PDB file of N, CA and C in Angstrom:
ATOM      1  N   MET A   1       1.050  -1.190  -0.014  1.00  0.00           N
ATOM      2  CA  MET A   1       0.012  -0.106   0.058  1.00  0.00           C
ATOM      3  C   MET A   1       0.720   1.102  -0.164  1.00  0.00           C
ATOM      4  N   LYS A   2       1.859   1.242   0.898  1.00  0.00           N
ATOM      5  CA  LYS A   2       2.766   2.465   0.927  1.00  0.00           C
ATOM      6  C   LYS A   2       3.414   2.676  -0.735  1.00  0.00           C
ATOM      7  N   SER A   3       4.101   1.637  -1.231  1.00  0.00           N
ATOM      8  CA  SER A   3       4.572   1.656  -2.661  1.00  0.00           C
ATOM      9  C   SER A   3       3.385   2.412  -3.616  1.00  0.00           C
ATOM     10  N   ILE A   4       2.217   2.194  -3.724  1.00  0.00           N
ATOM     11  CA  ILE A   4       1.029   2.694  -4.459  1.00  0.00           C
ATOM     12  C   ILE A   4       0.957   4.511  -3.940  1.00  0.00           C
ATOM     13  N   ALA A   5       1.187   4.557  -2.898  1.00  0.00           N
ATOM     14  CA  ALA A   5       1.031   5.683  -2.280  1.00  0.00           C
ATOM     15  C   ALA A   5       2.087   6.530  -3.012  1.00  0.00           C
ATOM     16  N   THR A   6       3.226   5.639  -2.778  1.00  0.00           N
ATOM     17  CA  THR A   6       4.495   6.509  -3.262  1.00  0.00           C
ATOM     18  C   THR A   6       4.639   6.837  -4.532  1.00  0.00           C
ATOM     19  N   LEU A   7       4.166   5.691  -5.433  1.00  0.00           N
ATOM     20  CA  LEU A   7       4.383   5.976  -6.643  1.00  0.00           C
ATOM     21  C   LEU A   7       3.248   6.943  -7.395  1.00  0.00           C
ATOM     22  N   THR A   8       1.933   7.010  -6.519  1.00  0.00           N
ATOM     23  CA  THR A   8       0.921   8.483  -6.903  1.00  0.00           C
ATOM     24  C   THR A   8       1.527   9.476  -6.458  1.00  0.00           C
ATOM     25  N   LEU A   9       2.144   9.759  -5.562  1.00  0.00           N
ATOM     26  CA  LEU A   9       3.130  11.105  -5.093  1.00  0.00           C
ATOM     27  C   LEU A   9       4.065  11.456  -6.155  1.00  0.00           C
ATOM     28  N   CYS A  10       4.831  10.705  -6.358  1.00  0.00           N
ATOM     29  CA  CYS A  10       5.937  10.761  -7.816  1.00  0.00           C
ATOM     30  C   CYS A  10       5.227  11.034  -8.648  1.00  0.00           C
ATOM     31  N   LEU A  11       4.152  10.178  -9.401  1.00  0.00           N
ATOM     32  CA  LEU A  11       3.766  10.717 -10.417  1.00  0.00           C
ATOM     33  C   LEU A  11       3.082  12.244 -10.574  1.00  0.00           C
ATOM     34  N   LEU A  12       2.104  12.489  -9.353  1.00  0.00           N
ATOM     35  CA  LEU A  12       1.885  13.942  -8.827  1.00  0.00           C
ATOM     36  C   LEU A  12       2.803  15.210  -9.223  1.00  0.00           C
ATOM     37  N   ALA A  13       3.645  14.490  -8.736  1.00  0.00           N
ATOM     38  CA  ALA A  13       5.155  15.662  -8.645  1.00  0.00           C
ATOM     39  C   ALA A  13       5.652  15.962 -10.129  1.00  0.00           C
ATOM     40  N   SER A  14       5.943  14.916 -10.766  1.00  0.00           N
ATOM     41  CA  SER A  14       6.189  14.599 -12.279  1.00  0.00           C
ATOM     42  C   SER A  14       5.472  15.657 -12.955  1.00  0.00           C
ATOM     43  N   ALA A  15       3.895  15.491 -12.647  1.00  0.00           N
ATOM     44  CA  ALA A  15       2.874  16.008 -13.580  1.00  0.00           C
ATOM     45  C   ALA A  15       3.132  17.469 -13.373  1.00  0.00           C
ATOM     46  N   SER A  16       3.376  17.786 -12.346  1.00  0.00           N
ATOM     47  CA  SER A  16       3.244  18.914 -11.942  1.00  0.00           C
ATOM     48  C   SER A  16       4.097  20.037 -12.259  1.00  0.00           C
ATOM     49  N   ALA A  17       5.640  19.334 -12.296  1.00  0.00           N
ATOM     50  CA  ALA A  17       6.681  19.971 -13.105  1.00  0.00           C
ATOM     51  C   ALA A  17       6.347  19.840 -14.439  1.00  0.00           C
ATOM     52  N   GLN A  18       6.017  20.877 -15.191  1.00  0.00           N
ATOM     53  CA  GLN A  18       5.587  20.664 -16.454  1.00  0.00           C
ATOM     54  C   GLN A  18       7.277  20.856 -17.533  1.00  0.00           C
ATOM     55  N   SER A  19       7.208  20.210 -18.281  1.00  0.00           N
ATOM     56  CA  SER A  19       8.236  19.903 -19.402  1.00  0.00           C
ATOM     57  C   SER A  19       7.751  19.920 -20.696  1.00  0.00           C
ATOM     58  N   ALA A  20       8.795  20.658 -21.395  1.00  0.00           N
ATOM     59  CA  ALA A  20       8.204  20.388 -22.743  1.00  0.00           C
ATOM     60  C   ALA A  20       8.058  19.520 -23.586  1.00  0.00           C
ATOM     61  N   VAL A  21       6.983  19.103 -24.483  1.00  0.00           N
ATOM     62  CA  VAL A  21       6.887  18.210 -25.324  1.00  0.00           C
ATOM     63  C   VAL A  21       7.064  18.438 -26.687  1.00  0.00           C
ATOM     64  N   TYR A  22       7.594  17.985 -27.657  1.00  0.00           N
ATOM     65  CA  TYR A  22       7.730  18.129 -28.911  1.00  0.00           C
ATOM     66  C   TYR A  22       6.869  16.836 -29.420  1.00  0.00           C
ATOM     67  N   ARG A  23       6.620  17.667 -31.050  1.00  0.00           N
ATOM     68  CA  ARG A  23       6.096  16.367 -31.936  1.00  0.00           C
ATOM     69  C   ARG A  23       6.877  16.277 -33.126  1.00  0.00           C
ATOM     70  N   CYS A  24       7.478  15.178 -33.290  1.00  0.00           N
ATOM     71  CA  CYS A  24       8.281  15.216 -34.528  1.00  0.00           C
ATOM     72  C   CYS A  24       7.587  14.249 -35.458  1.00  0.00           C
ATOM     73  N   GLY A  25       6.892  14.624 -36.646  1.00  0.00           N
ATOM     74  CA  GLY A  25       6.564  13.254 -37.398  1.00  0.00           C
ATOM     75  C   GLY A  25       5.268  13.022 -36.256  1.00  0.00           C
ATOM     76  N   SER A  26       5.189  11.509 -36.302  1.00  0.00           N
ATOM     77  CA  SER A  26       4.189  10.814 -35.640  1.00  0.00           C
ATOM     78  C   SER A  26       4.606  10.432 -34.528  1.00  0.00           C
ATOM     79  N   THR A  27       5.678  11.071 -33.687  1.00  0.00           N
ATOM     80  CA  THR A  27       6.245  10.409 -32.617  1.00  0.00           C
ATOM     81  C   THR A  27       6.128  11.780 -31.488  1.00  0.00           C
ATOM     82  N   TYR A  28       5.996  11.578 -30.283  1.00  0.00           N
ATOM     83  CA  TYR A  28       6.353  12.836 -29.204  1.00  0.00           C
ATOM     84  C   TYR A  28       7.866  12.478 -28.367  1.00  0.00           C
ATOM     85  N   SER A  29       8.063  13.514 -28.340  1.00  0.00           N
ATOM     86  CA  SER A  29       9.843  13.556 -26.963  1.00  0.00           C
ATOM     87  C   SER A  29       9.714  15.216 -26.380  1.00  0.00           C
ATOM     88  N   GLN A  30      10.763  14.519 -25.562  1.00  0.00           N
ATOM     89  CA  GLN A  30      10.955  15.615 -24.721  1.00  0.00           C
ATOM     90  C   GLN A  30      12.203  16.237 -25.064  1.00  0.00           C
ATOM     91  N   SER A  31      12.814  16.009 -26.204  1.00  0.00           N
ATOM     92  CA  SER A  31      14.011  17.083 -26.828  1.00  0.00           C
ATOM     93  C   SER A  31      13.509  16.983 -28.185  1.00  0.00           C
ATOM     94  N   PRO A  32      13.466  18.194 -28.717  1.00  0.00           N
ATOM     95  CA  PRO A  32      13.429  18.515 -30.067  1.00  0.00           C
ATOM     96  C   PRO A  32      14.218  18.230 -31.156  1.00  0.00           C
ATOM     97  N   CYS A  33      13.316  17.735 -32.331  1.00  0.00           N
ATOM     98  CA  CYS A  33      14.233  17.056 -33.591  1.00  0.00           C
ATOM     99  C   CYS A  33      13.959  18.292 -34.498  1.00  0.00           C
ATOM    100  N   PRO A  34      14.714  18.271 -35.769  1.00  0.00           N
ATOM    101  CA  PRO A  34      14.719  19.381 -36.503  1.00  0.00           C
ATOM    102  C   PRO A  34      13.503  20.153 -37.076  1.00  0.00           C
ATOM    103  N   GLN A  35      12.347  19.313 -37.520  1.00  0.00           N
ATOM    104  CA  GLN A  35      10.957  19.671 -37.504  1.00  0.00           C
ATOM    105  C   GLN A  35      10.141  19.944 -36.388  1.00  0.00           C
ATOM    106  N   ALA A  36      10.628  20.146 -35.426  1.00  0.00           N
ATOM    107  CA  ALA A  36       9.764  19.770 -33.768  1.00  0.00           C
ATOM    108  C   ALA A  36       9.068  20.665 -33.717  1.00  0.00           C
ATOM    109  N   ARG A  37       7.668  20.481 -33.238  1.00  0.00           N
ATOM    110  CA  ARG A  37       6.434  21.306 -33.088  1.00  0.00           C
ATOM    111  C   ARG A  37       6.352  21.497 -31.696  1.00  0.00           C
ATOM    112  N   PHE A  38       6.142  22.491 -30.893  1.00  0.00           N
ATOM    113  CA  PHE A  38       5.896  22.377 -29.877  1.00  0.00           C
ATOM    114  C   PHE A  38       4.625  22.109 -29.100  1.00  0.00           C
ATOM    115  N   VAL A  39       4.115  21.220 -28.383  1.00  0.00           N
ATOM    116  CA  VAL A  39       3.028  20.708 -28.273  1.00  0.00           C
ATOM    117  C   VAL A  39       2.402  21.067 -26.642  1.00  0.00           C
ATOM    118  N   ASP A  40       1.562  22.080 -26.291  1.00  0.00           N
ATOM    119  CA  ASP A  40       0.906  22.309 -25.050  1.00  0.00           C
ATOM    120  C   ASP A  40       0.353  21.222 -24.265  1.00  0.00           C
ATOM    121  N   VAL A  41       0.901  20.891 -23.304  1.00  0.00           N
ATOM    122  CA  VAL A  41       0.327  19.903 -22.556  1.00  0.00           C
ATOM    123  C   VAL A  41      -0.152  20.333 -21.224  1.00  0.00           C
ATOM    124  N   ASP A  42      -0.381  21.640 -20.994  1.00  0.00           N
ATOM    125  CA  ASP A  42      -0.888  22.020 -19.874  1.00  0.00           C
ATOM    126  C   ASP A  42      -2.338  21.651 -19.719  1.00  0.00           C
ATOM    127  N   ASP A  43      -2.574  21.120 -18.030  1.00  0.00           N
ATOM    128  CA  ASP A  43      -4.150  20.617 -18.010  1.00  0.00           C
ATOM    129  C   ASP A  43      -4.304  21.706 -17.144  1.00  0.00           C
ATOM    130  N   ALA A  44      -5.720  22.542 -17.989  1.00  0.00           N
ATOM    131  CA  ALA A  44      -6.269  23.739 -17.637  1.00  0.00           C
ATOM    132  C   ALA A  44      -7.233  23.066 -16.476  1.00  0.00           C
ATOM    133  N   ARG A  45      -7.568  21.978 -16.223  1.00  0.00           N
ATOM    134  CA  ARG A  45      -8.874  21.497 -15.369  1.00  0.00           C
ATOM    135  C   ARG A  45      -8.777  21.678 -13.547  1.00  0.00           C
ATOM    136  N   THR A  46      -9.691  21.895 -13.378  1.00  0.00           N
ATOM    137  CA  THR A  46      -9.260  22.086 -11.553  1.00  0.00           C
ATOM    138  C   THR A  46      -9.461  21.033 -10.995  1.00  0.00           C
ATOM    139  N   ASP A  47      -8.687  20.896  -9.816  1.00  0.00           N
ATOM    140  CA  ASP A  47      -8.778  19.425  -9.422  1.00  0.00           C
ATOM    141  C   ASP A  47     -10.162  18.667  -9.154  1.00  0.00           C
ATOM    142  N   ALA A  48     -10.972  19.240  -9.244  1.00  0.00           N
ATOM    143  CA  ALA A  48     -12.534  18.846  -8.966  1.00  0.00           C
ATOM    144  C   ALA A  48     -12.860  18.347 -10.178  1.00  0.00           C
ATOM    145  N   GLN A  49     -12.813  18.752 -11.351  1.00  0.00           N
ATOM    146  CA  GLN A  49     -13.004  18.578 -12.609  1.00  0.00           C
ATOM    147  C   GLN A  49     -11.716  17.157 -12.804  1.00  0.00           C
ATOM    148  N   ARG A  50     -10.498  17.043 -12.584  1.00  0.00           N
ATOM    149  CA  ARG A  50      -9.891  16.050 -12.521  1.00  0.00           C
ATOM    150  C   ARG A  50     -10.341  14.563 -11.784  1.00  0.00           C
ATOM    151  N   GLY A  51     -10.931  15.131 -10.579  1.00  0.00           N
ATOM    152  CA  GLY A  51     -11.481  14.133  -9.953  1.00  0.00           C
ATOM    153  C   GLY A  51     -12.751  13.272 -10.230  1.00  0.00           C
ATOM    154  N   ASP A  52     -13.510  14.472 -11.258  1.00  0.00           N
ATOM    155  CA  ASP A  52     -14.753  13.642 -11.731  1.00  0.00           C
ATOM    156  C   ASP A  52     -14.554  13.283 -12.903  1.00  0.00           C
ATOM    157  N   ALA A  53     -13.228  13.459 -13.444  1.00  0.00           N
ATOM    158  CA  ALA A  53     -12.960  12.831 -14.553  1.00  0.00           C
ATOM    159  C   ALA A  53     -12.876  11.327 -14.602  1.00  0.00           C
ATOM    160  N   GLN A  54     -11.969  11.374 -13.479  1.00  0.00           N
ATOM    161  CA  GLN A  54     -11.250   9.984 -12.633  1.00  0.00           C
ATOM    162  C   GLN A  54     -12.486   8.949 -12.291  1.00  0.00           C
ATOM    163  N   LEU A  55     -13.254   9.658 -11.597  1.00  0.00           N
ATOM    164  CA  LEU A  55     -14.525   8.690 -11.034  1.00  0.00           C
ATOM    165  C   LEU A  55     -15.430   8.186 -12.456  1.00  0.00           C
ATOM    166  N   LEU A  56     -15.412   9.123 -13.327  1.00  0.00           N
ATOM    167  CA  LEU A  56     -16.468   8.568 -14.535  1.00  0.00           C
ATOM    168  C   LEU A  56     -15.670   7.634 -15.124  1.00  0.00           C
ATOM    169  N   ALA A  57     -14.188   7.449 -15.292  1.00  0.00           N
ATOM    170  CA  ALA A  57     -13.216   6.553 -16.243  1.00  0.00           C
ATOM    171  C   ALA A  57     -13.328   5.540 -15.377  1.00  0.00           C
ATOM    172  N   ALA A  58     -13.354   5.582 -13.766  1.00  0.00           N
ATOM    173  CA  ALA A  58     -13.580   4.241 -12.989  1.00  0.00           C
ATOM    174  C   ALA A  58     -14.798   3.500 -13.299  1.00  0.00           C
ATOM    175  N   SER A  59     -16.045   4.485 -13.298  1.00  0.00           N
ATOM    176  CA  SER A  59     -17.243   4.063 -13.837  1.00  0.00           C
ATOM    177  C   SER A  59     -17.468   2.826 -15.073  1.00  0.00           C
ATOM    178  N   ASP A  60     -16.661   3.948 -16.090  1.00  0.00           N
ATOM    179  CA  ASP A  60     -16.844   2.969 -17.431  1.00  0.00           C
ATOM    180  C   ASP A  60     -15.844   1.737 -17.560  1.00  0.00           C
ATOM    181  N   LYS A  61     -14.981   1.802 -16.558  1.00  0.00           N
ATOM    182  CA  LYS A  61     -14.344   0.750 -16.484  1.00  0.00           C
ATOM    183  C   LYS A  61     -15.282  -0.298 -16.039  1.00  0.00           C
ATOM    184  N   ARG A  62     -15.675   0.025 -14.855  1.00  0.00           N
ATOM    185  CA  ARG A  62     -16.458  -1.024 -14.210  1.00  0.00           C
ATOM    186  C   ARG A  62     -17.654  -1.523 -15.286  1.00  0.00           C
ATOM    187  N   LEU A  63     -18.175  -0.712 -15.862  1.00  0.00           N
ATOM    188  CA  LEU A  63     -19.180  -1.177 -16.554  1.00  0.00           C
ATOM    189  C   LEU A  63     -18.886  -1.959 -18.150  1.00  0.00           C
ATOM    190  N   GLY A  64     -17.449  -1.418 -18.611  1.00  0.00           N
ATOM    191  CA  GLY A  64     -16.975  -2.934 -19.596  1.00  0.00           C
ATOM    192  C   GLY A  64     -16.573  -3.618 -19.049  1.00  0.00           C
ATOM    193  N   ASP A  65     -15.908  -3.949 -17.642  1.00  0.00           N
ATOM    194  CA  ASP A  65     -15.889  -5.249 -17.552  1.00  0.00           C
ATOM    195  C   ASP A  65     -16.836  -6.171 -17.201  1.00  0.00           C
ATOM    196  N   GLN A  66     -18.299  -5.132 -16.610  1.00  0.00           N
ATOM    197  CA  GLN A  66     -19.392  -6.267 -16.523  1.00  0.00           C
ATOM    198  C   GLN A  66     -19.873  -6.579 -17.811  1.00  0.00           C
ATOM    199  N   MET A  67     -19.774  -5.711 -18.752  1.00  0.00           N
ATOM    200  CA  MET A  67     -20.418  -5.929 -20.171  1.00  0.00           C
ATOM    201  C   MET A  67     -19.658  -7.380 -20.980  1.00  0.00           C
ATOM    202  N   ALA A  68     -18.280  -7.265 -20.611  1.00  0.00           N
ATOM    203  CA  ALA A  68     -17.360  -8.226 -20.753  1.00  0.00           C
ATOM    204  C   ALA A  68     -17.700  -9.378 -20.205  1.00  0.00           C
ATOM    205  N   SER A  69     -18.141  -9.407 -18.833  1.00  0.00           N
ATOM    206  CA  SER A  69     -18.447 -10.836 -18.160  1.00  0.00           C
ATOM    207  C   SER A  69     -19.491 -11.449 -19.004  1.00  0.00           C
ATOM    208  N   GLU A  70     -20.591 -10.626 -19.203  1.00  0.00           N
ATOM    209  CA  GLU A  70     -22.028 -10.827 -19.433  1.00  0.00           C
ATOM    210  C   GLU A  70     -21.791 -11.519 -20.786  1.00  0.00           C
ATOM    211  N   ARG A  71     -20.674 -10.914 -21.774  1.00  0.00           N
ATOM    212  CA  ARG A  71     -20.532 -11.379 -23.176  1.00  0.00           C
ATOM    213  C   ARG A  71     -20.017 -12.761 -23.132  1.00  0.00           C
ATOM    214  N   LEU A  72     -19.270 -12.861 -22.394  1.00  0.00           N
ATOM    215  CA  LEU A  72     -18.339 -14.229 -22.238  1.00  0.00           C
ATOM    216  C   LEU A  72     -19.249 -15.357 -21.711  1.00  0.00           C
ATOM    217  N   ALA A  73     -20.142 -14.938 -20.582  1.00  0.00           N
ATOM    218  CA  ALA A  73     -21.154 -15.865 -19.954  1.00  0.00           C
ATOM    219  C   ALA A  73     -22.235 -16.105 -21.203  1.00  0.00           C
ATOM    220  N   ARG A  74     -22.587 -15.402 -21.857  1.00  0.00           N
ATOM    221  CA  ARG A  74     -23.663 -15.603 -23.173  1.00  0.00           C
ATOM    222  C   ARG A  74     -22.661 -16.470 -24.069  1.00  0.00           C
ATOM    223  N   ASP A  75     -21.555 -16.093 -24.577  1.00  0.00           N
ATOM    224  CA  ASP A  75     -21.091 -16.911 -25.421  1.00  0.00           C
ATOM    225  C   ASP A  75     -20.651 -18.548 -24.958  1.00  0.00           C
ATOM    226  N   ALA A  76     -20.730 -18.403 -23.663  1.00  0.00           N
ATOM    227  CA  ALA A  76     -20.191 -20.039 -22.949  1.00  0.00           C
ATOM    228  C   ALA A  76     -21.693 -20.745 -23.076  1.00  0.00           C
ATOM    229  N   ALA A  77     -22.936 -20.313 -23.017  1.00  0.00           N
ATOM    230  CA  ALA A  77     -24.003 -20.495 -22.594  1.00  0.00           C
ATOM    231  C   ALA A  77     -24.438 -21.008 -24.451  1.00  0.00           C
ATOM    232  N   GLN A  78     -24.173 -20.049 -25.462  1.00  0.00           N
ATOM    233  CA  GLN A  78     -24.366 -20.322 -26.855  1.00  0.00           C
ATOM    234  C   GLN A  78     -23.631 -21.562 -27.353  1.00  0.00           C
ATOM    235  N   THR A  79     -22.471 -21.648 -26.619  1.00  0.00           N
ATOM    236  CA  THR A  79     -21.600 -22.740 -26.990  1.00  0.00           C
ATOM    237  C   THR A  79     -21.877 -24.172 -26.691  1.00  0.00           C
ATOM    238  N   ARG A  80     -22.637 -24.274 -25.210  1.00  0.00           N
ATOM    239  CA  ARG A  80     -23.163 -25.003 -24.779  1.00  0.00           C
ATOM    240  C   ARG A  80     -24.458 -25.850 -25.438  1.00  0.00           C
ATOM    241  N   ALA A  81     -25.074 -24.782 -25.957  1.00  0.00           N
ATOM    242  CA  ALA A  81     -26.329 -25.141 -26.576  1.00  0.00           C
ATOM    243  C   ALA A  81     -25.929 -25.440 -27.857  1.00  0.00           C
ATOM    244  N   ALA A  82     -25.126 -25.004 -28.780  1.00  0.00           N
ATOM    245  CA  ALA A  82     -24.634 -25.705 -29.661  1.00  0.00           C
ATOM    246  C   ALA A  82     -24.248 -27.309 -29.702  1.00  0.00           C
ATOM    247  N   LYS A  83     -23.503 -27.460 -28.683  1.00  0.00           N
ATOM    248  CA  LYS A  83     -22.714 -28.748 -28.797  1.00  0.00           C
ATOM    249  C   LYS A  83     -24.166 -29.735 -28.148  1.00  0.00           C
ATOM    250  N   SER A  84     -24.950 -29.467 -27.475  1.00  0.00           N
ATOM    251  CA  SER A  84     -26.303 -30.157 -27.057  1.00  0.00           C
ATOM    252  C   SER A  84     -26.864 -30.256 -28.558  1.00  0.00           C
ATOM    253  N   ALA A  85     -26.865 -29.640 -29.207  1.00  0.00           N
ATOM    254  CA  ALA A  85     -28.101 -29.456 -30.559  1.00  0.00           C
ATOM    255  C   ALA A  85     -27.241 -30.604 -31.482  1.00  0.00           C
ATOM    256  N   HIS A  86     -25.549 -30.459 -31.432  1.00  0.00           N
ATOM    257  CA  HIS A  86     -25.450 -31.677 -32.495  1.00  0.00           C
ATOM    258  C   HIS A  86     -24.953 -32.964 -31.502  1.00  0.00           C
ATOM    259  N   THR A  87     -25.861 -33.496 -31.270  1.00  0.00           N
ATOM    260  CA  THR A  87     -26.093 -34.826 -30.847  1.00  0.00           C
ATOM    261  C   THR A  87     -25.979 -35.758 -32.432  1.00  0.00           C
ATOM    262  N   LYS A  88     -25.525 -37.100 -31.662  1.00  0.00           N
ATOM    263  CA  LYS A  88     -24.952 -37.980 -32.835  1.00  0.00           C
ATOM    264  C   LYS A  88     -26.738 -38.377 -33.718  1.00  0.00           C
ATOM    265  N   PRO A  89     -26.490 -38.220 -34.795  1.00  0.00           N
ATOM    266  CA  PRO A  89     -27.960 -38.704 -35.364  1.00  0.00           C
ATOM    267  C   PRO A  89     -28.386 -40.451 -34.781  1.00  0.00           C
ATOM    268  N   ALA A  90     -29.720 -40.611 -34.862  1.00  0.00           N
ATOM    269  CA  ALA A  90     -29.937 -41.997 -34.671  1.00  0.00           C
ATOM    270  C   ALA A  90     -29.521 -42.878 -35.715  1.00  0.00           C
ATOM    271  N   LYS A  91     -29.142 -43.990 -35.224  1.00  0.00           N
ATOM    272  CA  LYS A  91     -28.523 -45.111 -36.193  1.00  0.00           C
ATOM    273  C   LYS A  91     -29.948 -45.965 -36.810  1.00  0.00           C
ATOM    274  N   ARG A  92     -29.461 -45.554 -38.425  1.00  0.00           N
ATOM    275  CA  ARG A  92     -30.561 -46.212 -39.280  1.00  0.00           C
ATOM    276  C   ARG A  92     -30.882 -47.863 -38.596  1.00  0.00           C
ATOM    277  N   ALA A  93     -31.878 -48.282 -39.161  1.00  0.00           N
ATOM    278  CA  ALA A  93     -31.993 -49.596 -38.985  1.00  0.00           C
ATOM    279  C   ALA A  93     -31.543 -50.323 -40.138  1.00  0.00           C
ATOM    280  N   HIS A  94     -30.959 -51.675 -39.808  1.00  0.00           N
ATOM    281  CA  HIS A  94     -30.180 -52.241 -41.066  1.00  0.00           C
ATOM    282  C   HIS A  94     -31.273 -52.578 -42.111  1.00  0.00           C
ATOM    283  N   ALA A  95     -30.838 -52.509 -43.330  1.00  0.00           N
ATOM    284  CA  ALA A  95     -32.089 -53.165 -44.504  1.00  0.00           C
ATOM    285  C   ALA A  95     -31.816 -54.509 -44.352  1.00  0.00           C
ATOM    286  N   THR A  96     -33.236 -55.019 -44.338  1.00  0.00           N
ATOM    287  CA  THR A  96     -33.054 -56.556 -44.421  1.00  0.00           C
ATOM    288  C   THR A  96     -33.152 -57.209 -45.618  1.00  0.00           C
ATOM    289  N   LYS A  97     -32.357 -57.996 -45.811  1.00  0.00           N
ATOM    290  CA  LYS A  97     -32.297 -58.569 -47.267  1.00  0.00           C
ATOM    291  C   LYS A  97     -33.272 -58.815 -47.940  1.00  0.00           C
ATOM    292  N   ILE A  98     -33.690 -58.373 -49.001  1.00  0.00           N
ATOM    293  CA  ILE A  98     -34.677 -59.113 -49.952  1.00  0.00           C
ATOM    294  C   ILE A  98     -34.669 -60.381 -50.410  1.00  0.00           C
ATOM    295  N   LYS A  99     -35.347 -61.228 -50.402  1.00  0.00           N
ATOM    296  CA  LYS A  99     -35.185 -62.658 -51.134  1.00  0.00           C
ATOM    297  C   LYS A  99     -36.393 -62.400 -52.208  1.00  0.00           C
ATOM    298  N   TRP A 100     -35.450 -62.557 -53.571  1.00  0.00           N
ATOM    299  CA  TRP A 100     -36.234 -62.175 -54.630  1.00  0.00           C
ATOM    300  C   TRP A 100     -36.553 -63.754 -54.990  1.00  0.00           C
ATOM    301  N   PHE A 101     -37.974 -64.081 -55.603  1.00  0.00           N
ATOM    302  CA  PHE A 101     -38.748 -64.986 -56.164  1.00  0.00           C
ATOM    303  C   PHE A 101     -38.154 -65.461 -57.607  1.00  0.00           C
ATOM    304  N   ARG A 102     -37.943 -66.075 -57.442  1.00  0.00           N
ATOM    305  CA  ARG A 102     -37.588 -66.756 -58.894  1.00  0.00           C
ATOM    306  C   ARG A 102     -38.661 -67.891 -59.459  1.00  0.00           C
ATOM    307  N   PRO A 103     -38.917 -67.993 -60.339  1.00  0.00           N
ATOM    308  CA  PRO A 103     -39.888 -68.770 -60.934  1.00  0.00           C
ATOM    309  C   PRO A 103     -39.696 -69.871 -61.501  1.00  0.00           C
TER     310      PRO A 103
END
């Protein structure tokens, strides 16, 4: 638990210490390249807005996990139903030999 709190504090400290971010083609870097464009990464949201966003993201994650488990259960039920529907056909009765009448 202490390691999670320490990690969270480190992330918050690094997030508050703004560093320059540059876009170099389709990649992003903290050091500029020849045709680098500066990217403004300032988060202008308030702490309350960030908290609301985190709560919403957590709620969305729970909903997504619930939907995934429901889908897996539904798929498993369909697989079981399909397997039980594909039982072996009943054996055919063997044809009896026909004796031809020869006059």
